[in-house]
Amino acid sequence: MPYQPEQWHDFATSFAGAAGALLGLAFVAISFNLDQILRDKTLPRRAAETLAFFAYPLAASLLIQVPGLSSTALGIGQAILTAGLIGLAAAIDVPRWRQEHGDPLSWRLSHIVPVVMIIVLAIVGVAATMTTSFGGLYWLAAAMAVATATGIINSWVLLVEIKR
């Protein structure tokens, strides 16, 4: 089962619906508050990151549902999504880590650790899917769950920051 995408159809369908709804809600909330977000130098990046945290599980769920994909093809698709996460981290999180050098370490870690955790889970998921070993798609499911939870937390922080 961990290596058979067709066995994951119901999971992927449910997750795609949830991720799509959260992505849509976040997009609307960001759109309604765009002026306040653009006034702050850090909030546009947090908004983009939040959307990405919901877009990743949506795309991964849809990828699982593509009929007839081999383990290699599914792994390549996952690798492309993971490359996007790595690009996001390079564009948003690494500069933020450098900017916040005066902030407490716990605050800085709260920004970078979730992203690193999602990327590590996604990378292991790529390898596990392509080799049909050590847990297969369970790693992708974990990356999707952590991304969604992080997106929800990011959404809350973003909305609180807007109202400050």
N, C-alpha and C. Protein backbone atom coordinates (compact mmCIF):
# COMPACT_ATOMS: atom_id res chain seq x y z
N MET A 1 0.80 -1.21 0.00
CA MET A 1 0.00 0.00 0.00
C MET A 1 0.85 1.29 0.00
N PRO A 2 1.96 1.35 0.73
CA PRO A 2 2.73 2.60 0.74
C PRO A 2 3.27 2.99 -0.63
N TYR A 3 3.29 2.05 -1.57
CA TYR A 3 3.92 2.30 -2.86
C TYR A 3 2.93 2.29 -4.01
N GLN A 4 1.66 2.23 -3.72
CA GLN A 4 0.64 2.14 -4.76
C GLN A 4 -0.25 3.39 -4.73
N PRO A 5 0.00 4.35 -5.63
CA PRO A 5 -0.76 5.60 -5.62
C PRO A 5 -2.27 5.39 -5.69
N GLU A 6 -2.72 4.36 -6.40
CA GLU A 6 -4.16 4.13 -6.51
C GLU A 6 -4.79 3.84 -5.15
N GLN A 7 -4.02 3.30 -4.21
CA GLN A 7 -4.52 3.05 -2.86
C GLN A 7 -4.66 4.35 -2.06
N TRP A 8 -4.07 5.41 -2.54
CA TRP A 8 -4.07 6.69 -1.85
C TRP A 8 -5.11 7.66 -2.43
N HIS A 9 -5.93 7.19 -3.32
CA HIS A 9 -6.89 8.07 -4.02
C HIS A 9 -7.79 8.82 -3.05
N ASP A 10 -8.42 8.11 -2.12
CA ASP A 10 -9.35 8.78 -1.20
C ASP A 10 -8.63 9.79 -0.31
N PHE A 11 -7.46 9.43 0.17
CA PHE A 11 -6.66 10.36 0.97
C PHE A 11 -6.33 11.60 0.15
N ALA A 12 -5.85 11.40 -1.07
CA ALA A 12 -5.45 12.52 -1.92
C ALA A 12 -6.64 13.40 -2.28
N THR A 13 -7.79 12.79 -2.54
CA THR A 13 -8.99 13.56 -2.85
C THR A 13 -9.40 14.43 -1.67
N SER A 14 -9.41 13.84 -0.49
CA SER A 14 -9.77 14.60 0.72
C SER A 14 -8.77 15.71 0.99
N PHE A 15 -7.50 15.39 0.86
CA PHE A 15 -6.47 16.39 1.15
C PHE A 15 -6.49 17.51 0.11
N ALA A 16 -6.74 17.16 -1.14
CA ALA A 16 -6.83 18.20 -2.19
C ALA A 16 -7.97 19.15 -1.90
N GLY A 17 -9.11 18.61 -1.47
CA GLY A 17 -10.25 19.47 -1.13
C GLY A 17 -9.94 20.41 0.02
N ALA A 18 -9.33 19.85 1.07
CA ALA A 18 -8.99 20.67 2.24
C ALA A 18 -7.93 21.72 1.89
N ALA A 19 -6.87 21.29 1.19
CA ALA A 19 -5.80 22.23 0.84
C ALA A 19 -6.31 23.30 -0.12
N GLY A 20 -7.16 22.91 -1.06
CA GLY A 20 -7.73 23.89 -1.99
C GLY A 20 -8.59 24.91 -1.27
N ALA A 21 -9.39 24.45 -0.31
CA ALA A 21 -10.22 25.38 0.46
C ALA A 21 -9.36 26.33 1.29
N LEU A 22 -8.35 25.80 1.94
CA LEU A 22 -7.47 26.65 2.75
C LEU A 22 -6.70 27.63 1.87
N LEU A 23 -6.23 27.17 0.72
CA LEU A 23 -5.53 28.06 -0.20
C LEU A 23 -6.45 29.19 -0.65
N GLY A 24 -7.68 28.85 -0.99
CA GLY A 24 -8.64 29.86 -1.42
C GLY A 24 -8.96 30.86 -0.32
N LEU A 25 -9.17 30.37 0.90
CA LEU A 25 -9.45 31.27 2.02
C LEU A 25 -8.26 32.19 2.31
N ALA A 26 -7.06 31.63 2.28
CA ALA A 26 -5.87 32.45 2.52
C ALA A 26 -5.71 33.50 1.43
N PHE A 27 -5.96 33.10 0.19
CA PHE A 27 -5.84 34.04 -0.92
C PHE A 27 -6.82 35.20 -0.77
N VAL A 28 -8.05 34.89 -0.40
CA VAL A 28 -9.07 35.94 -0.20
C VAL A 28 -8.68 36.84 0.97
N ALA A 29 -8.25 36.23 2.10
CA ALA A 29 -7.86 37.03 3.26
C ALA A 29 -6.68 37.95 2.92
N ILE A 30 -5.72 37.43 2.18
CA ILE A 30 -4.57 38.25 1.77
C ILE A 30 -5.03 39.36 0.83
N SER A 31 -5.91 39.04 -0.10
CA SER A 31 -6.41 40.04 -1.05
C SER A 31 -7.14 41.16 -0.33
N PHE A 32 -7.97 40.82 0.65
CA PHE A 32 -8.72 41.84 1.39
C PHE A 32 -7.80 42.73 2.22
N ASN A 33 -6.66 42.23 2.61
CA ASN A 33 -5.74 42.98 3.47
C ASN A 33 -4.44 43.36 2.76
N LEU A 34 -4.49 43.40 1.44
CA LEU A 34 -3.28 43.60 0.66
C LEU A 34 -2.58 44.93 0.97
N ASP A 35 -3.34 46.00 1.16
CA ASP A 35 -2.69 47.29 1.44
C ASP A 35 -1.89 47.24 2.74
N GLN A 36 -2.48 46.65 3.79
CA GLN A 36 -1.78 46.54 5.07
C GLN A 36 -0.56 45.62 4.95
N ILE A 37 -0.69 44.56 4.18
CA ILE A 37 0.43 43.63 4.00
C ILE A 37 1.57 44.31 3.27
N LEU A 38 1.26 45.05 2.22
CA LEU A 38 2.30 45.70 1.43
C LEU A 38 2.99 46.84 2.17
N ARG A 39 2.37 47.39 3.20
CA ARG A 39 2.99 48.46 3.98
C ARG A 39 4.15 47.96 4.85
N ASP A 40 4.15 46.70 5.17
CA ASP A 40 5.18 46.11 6.03
C ASP A 40 6.21 45.39 5.16
N LYS A 41 7.47 45.49 5.52
CA LYS A 41 8.51 44.88 4.67
C LYS A 41 8.56 43.36 4.79
N THR A 42 8.08 42.78 5.88
CA THR A 42 8.18 41.32 6.06
C THR A 42 6.90 40.57 5.70
N LEU A 43 5.77 41.25 5.73
CA LEU A 43 4.50 40.54 5.53
C LEU A 43 4.27 40.01 4.11
N PRO A 44 4.72 40.69 3.06
CA PRO A 44 4.51 40.09 1.73
C PRO A 44 5.16 38.71 1.59
N ARG A 45 6.35 38.56 2.16
CA ARG A 45 7.01 37.25 2.10
C ARG A 45 6.26 36.21 2.91
N ARG A 46 5.75 36.60 4.08
CA ARG A 46 4.99 35.66 4.90
C ARG A 46 3.71 35.26 4.17
N ALA A 47 3.09 36.22 3.48
CA ALA A 47 1.87 35.91 2.72
C ALA A 47 2.16 34.92 1.60
N ALA A 48 3.25 35.14 0.87
CA ALA A 48 3.62 34.23 -0.22
C ALA A 48 3.94 32.84 0.34
N GLU A 49 4.65 32.80 1.44
CA GLU A 49 4.99 31.53 2.07
C GLU A 49 3.73 30.79 2.52
N THR A 50 2.80 31.51 3.07
CA THR A 50 1.54 30.90 3.52
C THR A 50 0.80 30.27 2.35
N LEU A 51 0.71 30.97 1.25
CA LEU A 51 0.05 30.41 0.07
C LEU A 51 0.78 29.17 -0.42
N ALA A 52 2.11 29.20 -0.39
CA ALA A 52 2.90 28.04 -0.83
C ALA A 52 2.67 26.84 0.08
N PHE A 53 2.51 27.08 1.38
CA PHE A 53 2.29 25.97 2.31
C PHE A 53 0.95 25.27 2.04
N PHE A 54 0.00 25.97 1.46
CA PHE A 54 -1.26 25.32 1.08
C PHE A 54 -1.21 24.79 -0.35
N ALA A 55 -0.46 25.45 -1.21
CA ALA A 55 -0.36 25.00 -2.61
C ALA A 55 0.41 23.69 -2.72
N TYR A 56 1.44 23.51 -1.90
CA TYR A 56 2.23 22.28 -1.96
C TYR A 56 1.37 21.03 -1.73
N PRO A 57 0.61 20.94 -0.64
CA PRO A 57 -0.20 19.72 -0.47
C PRO A 57 -1.30 19.58 -1.51
N LEU A 58 -1.80 20.69 -2.02
CA LEU A 58 -2.79 20.61 -3.09
C LEU A 58 -2.16 19.98 -4.33
N ALA A 59 -1.01 20.48 -4.73
CA ALA A 59 -0.33 19.94 -5.91
C ALA A 59 0.09 18.49 -5.69
N ALA A 60 0.59 18.17 -4.50
CA ALA A 60 1.01 16.80 -4.21
C ALA A 60 -0.19 15.85 -4.24
N SER A 61 -1.32 16.30 -3.72
CA SER A 61 -2.53 15.46 -3.74
C SER A 61 -2.99 15.20 -5.17
N LEU A 62 -2.95 16.23 -5.98
CA LEU A 62 -3.36 16.06 -7.37
C LEU A 62 -2.38 15.16 -8.12
N LEU A 63 -1.11 15.26 -7.80
CA LEU A 63 -0.09 14.41 -8.42
C LEU A 63 -0.35 12.94 -8.12
N ILE A 64 -0.70 12.64 -6.89
CA ILE A 64 -0.98 11.25 -6.51
C ILE A 64 -2.14 10.69 -7.33
N GLN A 65 -3.07 11.55 -7.72
CA GLN A 65 -4.28 11.10 -8.41
C GLN A 65 -4.11 10.96 -9.92
N VAL A 66 -2.96 11.34 -10.46
CA VAL A 66 -2.74 11.18 -11.90
C VAL A 66 -2.71 9.68 -12.21
N PRO A 67 -3.61 9.22 -13.06
CA PRO A 67 -3.68 7.78 -13.30
C PRO A 67 -2.46 7.24 -14.03
N GLY A 68 -2.05 6.05 -13.63
CA GLY A 68 -1.02 5.31 -14.34
C GLY A 68 0.41 5.76 -14.14
N LEU A 69 0.67 6.65 -13.18
CA LEU A 69 2.06 7.07 -12.97
C LEU A 69 2.87 5.93 -12.36
N SER A 70 4.05 5.73 -12.88
CA SER A 70 4.96 4.77 -12.27
C SER A 70 5.55 5.39 -11.00
N SER A 71 6.19 4.58 -10.19
CA SER A 71 6.84 5.10 -8.99
C SER A 71 7.90 6.14 -9.36
N THR A 72 8.60 5.89 -10.44
CA THR A 72 9.63 6.83 -10.89
C THR A 72 9.01 8.15 -11.31
N ALA A 73 7.95 8.10 -12.10
CA ALA A 73 7.29 9.32 -12.55
C ALA A 73 6.70 10.10 -11.38
N LEU A 74 6.08 9.38 -10.45
CA LEU A 74 5.52 10.04 -9.27
C LEU A 74 6.65 10.67 -8.45
N GLY A 75 7.76 9.96 -8.31
CA GLY A 75 8.91 10.50 -7.59
C GLY A 75 9.48 11.74 -8.26
N ILE A 76 9.52 11.74 -9.59
CA ILE A 76 10.00 12.92 -10.32
C ILE A 76 9.06 14.10 -10.08
N GLY A 77 7.77 13.84 -10.11
CA GLY A 77 6.80 14.90 -9.81
C GLY A 77 7.00 15.45 -8.41
N GLN A 78 7.19 14.55 -7.46
CA GLN A 78 7.46 14.98 -6.09
C GLN A 78 8.75 15.79 -6.01
N ALA A 79 9.76 15.37 -6.77
CA ALA A 79 11.04 16.08 -6.77
C ALA A 79 10.87 17.51 -7.29
N ILE A 80 10.04 17.68 -8.29
CA ILE A 80 9.77 19.02 -8.83
C ILE A 80 9.10 19.89 -7.77
N LEU A 81 8.11 19.32 -7.07
CA LEU A 81 7.45 20.06 -6.00
C LEU A 81 8.44 20.40 -4.88
N THR A 82 9.31 19.45 -4.56
CA THR A 82 10.31 19.67 -3.52
C THR A 82 11.29 20.77 -3.93
N ALA A 83 11.66 20.79 -5.20
CA ALA A 83 12.53 21.86 -5.70
C ALA A 83 11.87 23.21 -5.51
N GLY A 84 10.56 23.27 -5.70
CA GLY A 84 9.83 24.51 -5.45
C GLY A 84 9.92 24.93 -3.99
N LEU A 85 9.81 23.95 -3.08
CA LEU A 85 9.94 24.26 -1.65
C LEU A 85 11.34 24.77 -1.32
N ILE A 86 12.33 24.15 -1.92
CA ILE A 86 13.71 24.58 -1.69
C ILE A 86 13.91 26.00 -2.23
N GLY A 87 13.34 26.29 -3.39
CA GLY A 87 13.40 27.65 -3.94
C GLY A 87 12.71 28.65 -3.03
N LEU A 88 11.58 28.25 -2.47
CA LEU A 88 10.86 29.11 -1.52
C LEU A 88 11.74 29.42 -0.32
N ALA A 89 12.37 28.39 0.23
CA ALA A 89 13.23 28.58 1.39
C ALA A 89 14.40 29.50 1.05
N ALA A 90 14.97 29.31 -0.13
CA ALA A 90 16.11 30.14 -0.54
C ALA A 90 15.70 31.59 -0.74
N ALA A 91 14.50 31.80 -1.25
CA ALA A 91 14.05 33.16 -1.55
C ALA A 91 13.47 33.89 -0.34
N ILE A 92 12.86 33.15 0.57
CA ILE A 92 12.14 33.79 1.68
C ILE A 92 12.80 33.54 3.03
N ASP A 93 13.07 32.29 3.34
CA ASP A 93 13.48 31.95 4.70
C ASP A 93 14.95 32.22 4.99
N VAL A 94 15.82 31.99 4.04
CA VAL A 94 17.23 32.26 4.28
C VAL A 94 17.47 33.77 4.47
N PRO A 95 16.91 34.64 3.60
CA PRO A 95 17.07 36.08 3.85
C PRO A 95 16.45 36.53 5.18
N ARG A 96 15.30 35.92 5.53
CA ARG A 96 14.66 36.28 6.80
C ARG A 96 15.56 35.86 7.97
N TRP A 97 16.18 34.69 7.88
CA TRP A 97 17.09 34.22 8.93
C TRP A 97 18.23 35.22 9.13
N ARG A 98 18.75 35.74 8.02
CA ARG A 98 19.85 36.71 8.10
C ARG A 98 19.39 38.05 8.65
N GLN A 99 18.18 38.47 8.26
CA GLN A 99 17.65 39.76 8.71
C GLN A 99 17.37 39.77 10.20
N GLU A 100 16.96 38.64 10.73
CA GLU A 100 16.51 38.58 12.12
C GLU A 100 17.64 38.21 13.08
N HIS A 101 18.89 38.47 12.70
CA HIS A 101 20.02 38.04 13.53
C HIS A 101 19.97 38.63 14.94
N GLY A 102 19.27 39.73 15.15
CA GLY A 102 19.15 40.33 16.47
C GLY A 102 18.00 39.78 17.28
N ASP A 103 17.13 39.02 16.66
CA ASP A 103 15.97 38.44 17.35
C ASP A 103 16.38 37.21 18.16
N PRO A 104 15.56 36.86 19.15
CA PRO A 104 15.88 35.65 19.92
C PRO A 104 15.95 34.42 19.02
N LEU A 105 16.83 33.49 19.38
CA LEU A 105 17.02 32.28 18.60
C LEU A 105 15.72 31.50 18.46
N SER A 106 14.93 31.44 19.52
CA SER A 106 13.67 30.70 19.46
C SER A 106 12.74 31.28 18.39
N TRP A 107 12.72 32.60 18.24
CA TRP A 107 11.88 33.24 17.24
C TRP A 107 12.39 32.89 15.83
N ARG A 108 13.70 32.95 15.67
CA ARG A 108 14.29 32.64 14.37
C ARG A 108 14.07 31.17 14.00
N LEU A 109 14.23 30.29 14.97
CA LEU A 109 14.02 28.87 14.72
C LEU A 109 12.56 28.56 14.38
N SER A 110 11.64 29.30 14.97
CA SER A 110 10.22 29.07 14.68
C SER A 110 9.88 29.37 13.23
N HIS A 111 10.68 30.17 12.57
CA HIS A 111 10.48 30.46 11.16
C HIS A 111 11.12 29.41 10.25
N ILE A 112 12.30 28.96 10.61
CA ILE A 112 13.07 28.11 9.69
C ILE A 112 12.82 26.61 9.90
N VAL A 113 12.58 26.18 11.13
CA VAL A 113 12.44 24.75 11.41
C VAL A 113 11.28 24.10 10.64
N PRO A 114 10.09 24.71 10.61
CA PRO A 114 9.01 24.06 9.86
C PRO A 114 9.33 23.88 8.38
N VAL A 115 9.97 24.86 7.78
CA VAL A 115 10.32 24.79 6.37
C VAL A 115 11.34 23.68 6.13
N VAL A 116 12.35 23.62 6.99
CA VAL A 116 13.36 22.57 6.87
C VAL A 116 12.72 21.20 7.06
N MET A 117 11.82 21.09 8.03
CA MET A 117 11.16 19.82 8.29
C MET A 117 10.33 19.37 7.08
N ILE A 118 9.60 20.28 6.47
CA ILE A 118 8.81 19.95 5.28
C ILE A 118 9.73 19.49 4.15
N ILE A 119 10.82 20.21 3.94
CA ILE A 119 11.75 19.86 2.87
C ILE A 119 12.39 18.49 3.11
N VAL A 120 12.81 18.24 4.33
CA VAL A 120 13.42 16.93 4.64
C VAL A 120 12.41 15.81 4.42
N LEU A 121 11.18 15.98 4.92
CA LEU A 121 10.15 14.96 4.71
C LEU A 121 9.88 14.75 3.22
N ALA A 122 9.85 15.85 2.47
CA ALA A 122 9.60 15.76 1.04
C ALA A 122 10.74 15.04 0.31
N ILE A 123 11.98 15.34 0.69
CA ILE A 123 13.13 14.69 0.05
C ILE A 123 13.13 13.19 0.34
N VAL A 124 12.88 12.83 1.59
CA VAL A 124 12.82 11.41 1.93
C VAL A 124 11.66 10.76 1.17
N GLY A 125 10.56 11.50 1.04
CA GLY A 125 9.41 11.00 0.28
C GLY A 125 9.74 10.73 -1.18
N VAL A 126 10.51 11.60 -1.78
CA VAL A 126 10.95 11.39 -3.18
C VAL A 126 11.74 10.09 -3.28
N ALA A 127 12.73 9.94 -2.40
CA ALA A 127 13.57 8.74 -2.44
C ALA A 127 12.74 7.49 -2.15
N ALA A 128 11.86 7.57 -1.17
CA ALA A 128 11.04 6.41 -0.79
C ALA A 128 10.08 6.02 -1.90
N THR A 129 9.54 6.99 -2.60
CA THR A 129 8.61 6.70 -3.70
C THR A 129 9.36 6.11 -4.89
N MET A 130 10.48 6.71 -5.25
CA MET A 130 11.22 6.25 -6.42
C MET A 130 11.81 4.86 -6.22
N THR A 131 12.18 4.54 -5.00
CA THR A 131 12.79 3.24 -4.73
C THR A 131 11.78 2.22 -4.20
N THR A 132 10.54 2.66 -4.03
CA THR A 132 9.49 1.83 -3.40
C THR A 132 10.03 1.12 -2.16
N SER A 133 10.57 1.92 -1.27
CA SER A 133 11.11 1.38 -0.03
C SER A 133 10.87 2.35 1.12
N PHE A 134 11.22 1.95 2.26
CA PHE A 134 11.13 2.64 3.55
C PHE A 134 9.97 3.63 3.69
N GLY A 135 8.77 3.16 3.41
CA GLY A 135 7.57 3.92 3.73
C GLY A 135 6.87 4.60 2.59
N GLY A 136 7.50 4.70 1.45
CA GLY A 136 6.86 5.24 0.27
C GLY A 136 6.11 6.54 0.48
N LEU A 137 4.86 6.53 0.13
CA LEU A 137 4.04 7.74 0.14
C LEU A 137 3.70 8.26 1.53
N TYR A 138 3.99 7.49 2.56
CA TYR A 138 3.73 7.99 3.91
C TYR A 138 4.58 9.23 4.20
N TRP A 139 5.77 9.29 3.64
CA TRP A 139 6.62 10.46 3.83
C TRP A 139 6.02 11.70 3.15
N LEU A 140 5.47 11.50 1.97
CA LEU A 140 4.81 12.62 1.29
C LEU A 140 3.60 13.08 2.09
N ALA A 141 2.84 12.14 2.63
CA ALA A 141 1.69 12.51 3.46
C ALA A 141 2.13 13.31 4.68
N ALA A 142 3.25 12.93 5.28
CA ALA A 142 3.76 13.68 6.43
C ALA A 142 4.17 15.10 6.02
N ALA A 143 4.84 15.23 4.88
CA ALA A 143 5.25 16.55 4.40
C ALA A 143 4.01 17.42 4.14
N MET A 144 2.98 16.81 3.56
CA MET A 144 1.74 17.55 3.29
C MET A 144 1.08 18.00 4.58
N ALA A 145 1.06 17.13 5.58
CA ALA A 145 0.42 17.47 6.86
C ALA A 145 1.17 18.59 7.57
N VAL A 146 2.50 18.50 7.58
CA VAL A 146 3.29 19.55 8.23
C VAL A 146 3.15 20.87 7.47
N ALA A 147 3.13 20.82 6.15
CA ALA A 147 2.94 22.05 5.36
C ALA A 147 1.59 22.69 5.66
N THR A 148 0.56 21.88 5.74
CA THR A 148 -0.78 22.41 6.03
C THR A 148 -0.84 23.01 7.42
N ALA A 149 -0.31 22.31 8.41
CA ALA A 149 -0.31 22.84 9.78
C ALA A 149 0.49 24.14 9.86
N THR A 150 1.63 24.17 9.18
CA THR A 150 2.44 25.38 9.16
C THR A 150 1.72 26.52 8.45
N GLY A 151 1.01 26.20 7.37
CA GLY A 151 0.23 27.21 6.68
C GLY A 151 -0.87 27.80 7.55
N ILE A 152 -1.51 26.96 8.34
CA ILE A 152 -2.56 27.44 9.25
C ILE A 152 -1.96 28.37 10.31
N ILE A 153 -0.84 27.95 10.89
CA ILE A 153 -0.17 28.80 11.89
C ILE A 153 0.30 30.10 11.24
N ASN A 154 0.89 30.01 10.07
CA ASN A 154 1.34 31.21 9.35
C ASN A 154 0.18 32.15 9.06
N SER A 155 -0.97 31.59 8.69
CA SER A 155 -2.15 32.41 8.41
C SER A 155 -2.55 33.20 9.64
N TRP A 156 -2.57 32.53 10.77
CA TRP A 156 -2.94 33.19 12.02
C TRP A 156 -1.95 34.32 12.34
N VAL A 157 -0.65 34.02 12.27
CA VAL A 157 0.36 35.02 12.56
C VAL A 157 0.25 36.20 11.58
N LEU A 158 0.03 35.91 10.33
CA LEU A 158 -0.11 36.95 9.31
C LEU A 158 -1.28 37.86 9.65
N LEU A 159 -2.42 37.29 9.98
CA LEU A 159 -3.58 38.11 10.31
C LEU A 159 -3.39 38.91 11.58
N VAL A 160 -2.69 38.35 12.55
CA VAL A 160 -2.40 39.10 13.79
C VAL A 160 -1.45 40.26 13.48
N GLU A 161 -0.42 39.99 12.66
CA GLU A 161 0.53 41.04 12.31
C GLU A 161 -0.14 42.18 11.54
N ILE A 162 -1.11 41.86 10.72
CA ILE A 162 -1.82 42.90 9.98
C ILE A 162 -2.54 43.85 10.92
N LYS A 163 -3.08 43.30 12.00
CA LYS A 163 -3.88 44.11 12.93
C LYS A 163 -3.04 44.86 13.94
N ARG A 164 -1.74 44.60 13.97
CA ARG A 164 -0.88 45.30 14.95
C ARG A 164 -0.76 46.75 14.64
